[in-house]
Amino acid sequence: MQVSLTQRDLARELGISLGGLNYCLKALVEKGWIKMENFSKSDRKLRYAYLLTPKGMAGKARLTNHFLRRKLAEYEALKEEIERLRAEAAGVDDCAR
């Protein structure tokens, strides 16, 4: 999937400054997670594409896996809490009779 945003748009979406975004993009390039390509044939000489590298995809997959495991643990904890509250509520109902 390809999404086309300016750096200014991306910074606004993320709620950070343009300088902060540039700092992060440079760090991701240095880390090897994204690569930057200049559109030399473009009318706008300052146009760049940031592409996720295979190393970046692997990192994204690891982060996604960690996120999903954390969310699943939260879900299980919520399920247990709901069951506990249901049992507690049922006990209160029994005492009221």
N, C-alpha and C. Protein backbone atom coordinates (compact mmCIF):
# COMPACT_ATOMS: atom_id res chain seq x y z
N MET A 1 0.83 -1.17 0.00
CA MET A 1 0.00 0.00 0.00
C MET A 1 0.89 1.24 0.00
N GLN A 2 0.54 2.19 -0.82
CA GLN A 2 1.32 3.42 -0.91
C GLN A 2 0.46 4.59 -0.48
N VAL A 3 0.98 5.37 0.45
CA VAL A 3 0.28 6.55 0.95
C VAL A 3 1.13 7.76 0.61
N SER A 4 0.50 8.79 0.10
CA SER A 4 1.24 9.99 -0.28
C SER A 4 0.88 11.14 0.65
N LEU A 5 1.83 11.52 1.49
CA LEU A 5 1.69 12.65 2.40
C LEU A 5 2.94 13.50 2.32
N THR A 6 2.78 14.78 2.53
CA THR A 6 3.96 15.62 2.67
C THR A 6 4.51 15.42 4.08
N GLN A 7 5.76 15.83 4.29
CA GLN A 7 6.31 15.74 5.64
C GLN A 7 5.50 16.61 6.59
N ARG A 8 5.06 17.75 6.12
CA ARG A 8 4.25 18.65 6.94
C ARG A 8 2.94 17.96 7.35
N ASP A 9 2.29 17.28 6.37
CA ASP A 9 1.06 16.54 6.67
C ASP A 9 1.31 15.45 7.71
N LEU A 10 2.39 14.71 7.51
CA LEU A 10 2.72 13.62 8.42
C LEU A 10 3.00 14.14 9.83
N ALA A 11 3.76 15.23 9.92
CA ALA A 11 4.05 15.83 11.22
C ALA A 11 2.76 16.26 11.91
N ARG A 12 1.86 16.85 11.15
CA ARG A 12 0.57 17.28 11.71
C ARG A 12 -0.23 16.07 12.21
N GLU A 13 -0.28 15.00 11.40
CA GLU A 13 -1.01 13.80 11.78
C GLU A 13 -0.45 13.18 13.06
N LEU A 14 0.87 13.22 13.21
CA LEU A 14 1.52 12.62 14.38
C LEU A 14 1.54 13.56 15.58
N GLY A 15 1.22 14.83 15.35
CA GLY A 15 1.22 15.80 16.45
C GLY A 15 2.61 16.19 16.89
N ILE A 16 3.56 16.21 15.94
CA ILE A 16 4.93 16.61 16.26
C ILE A 16 5.36 17.72 15.31
N SER A 17 6.47 18.36 15.63
CA SER A 17 6.96 19.43 14.77
C SER A 17 7.59 18.85 13.50
N LEU A 18 7.71 19.67 12.48
CA LEU A 18 8.36 19.24 11.24
C LEU A 18 9.82 18.86 11.50
N GLY A 19 10.49 19.64 12.35
CA GLY A 19 11.87 19.32 12.72
C GLY A 19 11.97 17.99 13.44
N GLY A 20 10.99 17.73 14.32
CA GLY A 20 10.96 16.45 15.04
C GLY A 20 10.76 15.29 14.09
N LEU A 21 9.89 15.49 13.11
CA LEU A 21 9.66 14.44 12.11
C LEU A 21 10.93 14.16 11.32
N ASN A 22 11.60 15.22 10.88
CA ASN A 22 12.84 15.05 10.12
C ASN A 22 13.89 14.31 10.94
N TYR A 23 13.99 14.65 12.20
CA TYR A 23 14.94 13.97 13.10
C TYR A 23 14.63 12.47 13.16
N CYS A 24 13.34 12.13 13.32
CA CYS A 24 12.94 10.72 13.39
C CYS A 24 13.15 10.00 12.07
N LEU A 25 12.83 10.65 10.95
CA LEU A 25 13.03 10.02 9.64
C LEU A 25 14.50 9.73 9.39
N LYS A 26 15.37 10.67 9.75
CA LYS A 26 16.81 10.44 9.58
C LYS A 26 17.28 9.27 10.43
N ALA A 27 16.76 9.17 11.66
CA ALA A 27 17.13 8.06 12.54
C ALA A 27 16.66 6.73 11.96
N LEU A 28 15.44 6.71 11.37
CA LEU A 28 14.94 5.47 10.76
C LEU A 28 15.75 5.09 9.53
N VAL A 29 16.21 6.08 8.77
CA VAL A 29 17.09 5.80 7.62
C VAL A 29 18.40 5.21 8.11
N GLU A 30 19.00 5.84 9.15
CA GLU A 30 20.27 5.35 9.71
C GLU A 30 20.12 3.93 10.27
N LYS A 31 18.97 3.65 10.87
CA LYS A 31 18.72 2.33 11.43
C LYS A 31 18.48 1.29 10.33
N GLY A 32 18.19 1.76 9.13
CA GLY A 32 17.96 0.84 8.02
C GLY A 32 16.52 0.39 7.88
N TRP A 33 15.60 1.03 8.61
CA TRP A 33 14.20 0.63 8.57
C TRP A 33 13.47 1.24 7.39
N ILE A 34 13.91 2.40 6.95
CA ILE A 34 13.33 3.02 5.75
C ILE A 34 14.46 3.49 4.85
N LYS A 35 14.15 3.65 3.57
CA LYS A 35 15.11 4.26 2.67
C LYS A 35 14.43 5.45 2.02
N MET A 36 15.25 6.42 1.66
CA MET A 36 14.74 7.65 1.11
C MET A 36 15.17 7.74 -0.35
N GLU A 37 14.21 8.00 -1.23
CA GLU A 37 14.52 8.14 -2.64
C GLU A 37 14.10 9.52 -3.11
N ASN A 38 14.98 10.17 -3.86
CA ASN A 38 14.70 11.48 -4.42
C ASN A 38 14.13 11.30 -5.81
N PHE A 39 13.05 12.00 -6.11
CA PHE A 39 12.48 11.98 -7.45
C PHE A 39 13.21 13.02 -8.29
N SER A 40 14.34 12.65 -8.87
CA SER A 40 15.15 13.62 -9.60
C SER A 40 14.46 14.15 -10.85
N LYS A 41 13.51 13.41 -11.40
CA LYS A 41 12.80 13.86 -12.60
C LYS A 41 11.55 14.66 -12.26
N SER A 42 11.30 14.85 -10.97
CA SER A 42 10.11 15.56 -10.53
C SER A 42 10.26 17.06 -10.76
N ASP A 43 9.15 17.73 -11.01
CA ASP A 43 9.17 19.19 -11.13
C ASP A 43 9.54 19.82 -9.79
N ARG A 44 9.15 19.16 -8.72
CA ARG A 44 9.46 19.65 -7.37
C ARG A 44 10.70 18.91 -6.88
N LYS A 45 11.85 19.56 -6.88
CA LYS A 45 13.12 18.91 -6.55
C LYS A 45 13.20 18.42 -5.11
N LEU A 46 12.34 18.91 -4.24
CA LEU A 46 12.41 18.50 -2.85
C LEU A 46 11.49 17.34 -2.53
N ARG A 47 11.04 16.60 -3.53
CA ARG A 47 10.15 15.45 -3.30
C ARG A 47 10.97 14.20 -3.01
N TYR A 48 10.60 13.53 -1.95
CA TYR A 48 11.26 12.29 -1.56
C TYR A 48 10.21 11.24 -1.26
N ALA A 49 10.59 10.00 -1.44
CA ALA A 49 9.73 8.88 -1.03
C ALA A 49 10.47 8.15 0.07
N TYR A 50 9.76 7.80 1.13
CA TYR A 50 10.33 7.01 2.20
C TYR A 50 9.72 5.62 2.10
N LEU A 51 10.57 4.64 1.87
CA LEU A 51 10.12 3.28 1.63
C LEU A 51 10.58 2.37 2.75
N LEU A 52 9.69 1.51 3.20
CA LEU A 52 10.02 0.55 4.25
C LEU A 52 10.94 -0.52 3.66
N THR A 53 12.07 -0.73 4.30
CA THR A 53 13.03 -1.74 3.84
C THR A 53 12.64 -3.11 4.41
N PRO A 54 13.27 -4.19 3.91
CA PRO A 54 13.02 -5.51 4.51
C PRO A 54 13.32 -5.52 6.02
N LYS A 55 14.38 -4.83 6.42
CA LYS A 55 14.71 -4.73 7.85
C LYS A 55 13.60 -3.97 8.58
N GLY A 56 13.07 -2.93 7.95
CA GLY A 56 11.97 -2.18 8.53
C GLY A 56 10.71 -3.02 8.65
N MET A 57 10.45 -3.85 7.62
CA MET A 57 9.29 -4.75 7.66
C MET A 57 9.42 -5.74 8.81
N ALA A 58 10.63 -6.27 9.00
CA ALA A 58 10.85 -7.22 10.10
C ALA A 58 10.63 -6.53 11.44
N GLY A 59 11.12 -5.30 11.56
CA GLY A 59 10.91 -4.55 12.80
C GLY A 59 9.44 -4.26 13.02
N LYS A 60 8.75 -3.89 11.95
CA LYS A 60 7.32 -3.61 12.05
C LYS A 60 6.56 -4.88 12.46
N ALA A 61 6.95 -6.01 11.92
CA ALA A 61 6.31 -7.28 12.27
C ALA A 61 6.53 -7.60 13.75
N ARG A 62 7.76 -7.37 14.25
CA ARG A 62 8.05 -7.62 15.67
C ARG A 62 7.20 -6.71 16.55
N LEU A 63 7.14 -5.42 16.19
CA LEU A 63 6.34 -4.48 16.97
C LEU A 63 4.86 -4.85 16.95
N THR A 64 4.38 -5.27 15.79
CA THR A 64 2.98 -5.67 15.66
C THR A 64 2.70 -6.90 16.52
N ASN A 65 3.61 -7.86 16.49
CA ASN A 65 3.47 -9.07 17.30
C ASN A 65 3.42 -8.72 18.78
N HIS A 66 4.33 -7.85 19.22
CA HIS A 66 4.36 -7.41 20.63
C HIS A 66 3.07 -6.69 20.99
N PHE A 67 2.60 -5.82 20.11
CA PHE A 67 1.36 -5.08 20.33
C PHE A 67 0.17 -6.04 20.47
N LEU A 68 0.08 -7.01 19.55
CA LEU A 68 -1.04 -7.96 19.60
C LEU A 68 -1.00 -8.83 20.85
N ARG A 69 0.20 -9.25 21.28
CA ARG A 69 0.31 -10.04 22.50
C ARG A 69 -0.14 -9.22 23.71
N ARG A 70 0.26 -7.93 23.75
CA ARG A 70 -0.14 -7.06 24.85
C ARG A 70 -1.65 -6.85 24.86
N LYS A 71 -2.24 -6.62 23.68
CA LYS A 71 -3.68 -6.42 23.60
C LYS A 71 -4.45 -7.67 23.98
N LEU A 72 -3.94 -8.83 23.60
CA LEU A 72 -4.59 -10.09 23.96
C LEU A 72 -4.56 -10.28 25.48
N ALA A 73 -3.44 -9.95 26.11
CA ALA A 73 -3.34 -10.05 27.57
C ALA A 73 -4.32 -9.08 28.24
N GLU A 74 -4.45 -7.87 27.69
CA GLU A 74 -5.42 -6.91 28.23
C GLU A 74 -6.84 -7.45 28.08
N TYR A 75 -7.12 -8.05 26.94
CA TYR A 75 -8.45 -8.63 26.69
C TYR A 75 -8.76 -9.73 27.70
N GLU A 76 -7.81 -10.61 27.92
CA GLU A 76 -8.00 -11.71 28.87
C GLU A 76 -8.22 -11.17 30.28
N ALA A 77 -7.45 -10.14 30.66
CA ALA A 77 -7.62 -9.54 31.99
C ALA A 77 -9.01 -8.90 32.12
N LEU A 78 -9.47 -8.24 31.06
CA LEU A 78 -10.81 -7.64 31.08
C LEU A 78 -11.89 -8.71 31.20
N LYS A 79 -11.71 -9.80 30.47
CA LYS A 79 -12.67 -10.91 30.53
C LYS A 79 -12.77 -11.45 31.96
N GLU A 80 -11.62 -11.63 32.59
CA GLU A 80 -11.60 -12.12 33.97
C GLU A 80 -12.28 -11.12 34.90
N GLU A 81 -12.01 -9.84 34.71
CA GLU A 81 -12.63 -8.80 35.55
C GLU A 81 -14.14 -8.78 35.38
N ILE A 82 -14.61 -8.92 34.15
CA ILE A 82 -16.06 -8.96 33.89
C ILE A 82 -16.69 -10.17 34.57
N GLU A 83 -16.05 -11.32 34.47
CA GLU A 83 -16.58 -12.52 35.12
C GLU A 83 -16.61 -12.35 36.64
N ARG A 84 -15.58 -11.75 37.19
CA ARG A 84 -15.53 -11.51 38.64
C ARG A 84 -16.67 -10.58 39.06
N LEU A 85 -16.87 -9.51 38.29
CA LEU A 85 -17.94 -8.57 38.60
C LEU A 85 -19.32 -9.20 38.45
N ARG A 86 -19.48 -10.07 37.45
CA ARG A 86 -20.76 -10.78 37.28
C ARG A 86 -21.04 -11.68 38.48
N ALA A 87 -20.00 -12.40 38.90
CA ALA A 87 -20.16 -13.30 40.05
C ALA A 87 -20.48 -12.49 41.30
N GLU A 88 -19.81 -11.37 41.48
CA GLU A 88 -20.05 -10.49 42.62
C GLU A 88 -21.48 -9.95 42.59
N ALA A 89 -21.92 -9.50 41.39
CA ALA A 89 -23.28 -8.98 41.24
C ALA A 89 -24.31 -10.08 41.52
N ALA A 90 -24.05 -11.29 41.09
CA ALA A 90 -24.97 -12.41 41.33
C ALA A 90 -25.06 -12.68 42.82
N GLY A 91 -23.95 -12.56 43.54
CA GLY A 91 -23.94 -12.76 44.99
C GLY A 91 -24.75 -11.69 45.70
N VAL A 92 -24.67 -10.47 45.23
CA VAL A 92 -25.44 -9.38 45.81
C VAL A 92 -26.92 -9.61 45.58
N ASP A 93 -27.29 -10.07 44.39
CA ASP A 93 -28.69 -10.36 44.06
C ASP A 93 -29.23 -11.45 44.97
N ASP A 94 -28.42 -12.50 45.24
CA ASP A 94 -28.84 -13.59 46.10
C ASP A 94 -29.08 -13.13 47.53
N CYS A 95 -28.26 -12.21 48.02
CA CYS A 95 -28.39 -11.70 49.39
C CYS A 95 -29.62 -10.81 49.52
N ALA A 96 -30.01 -10.14 48.46
CA ALA A 96 -31.14 -9.21 48.51
C ALA A 96 -32.47 -9.95 48.58
N ARG A 97 -32.49 -11.21 48.23
CA ARG A 97 -33.75 -11.97 48.23
C ARG A 97 -34.11 -12.48 49.58
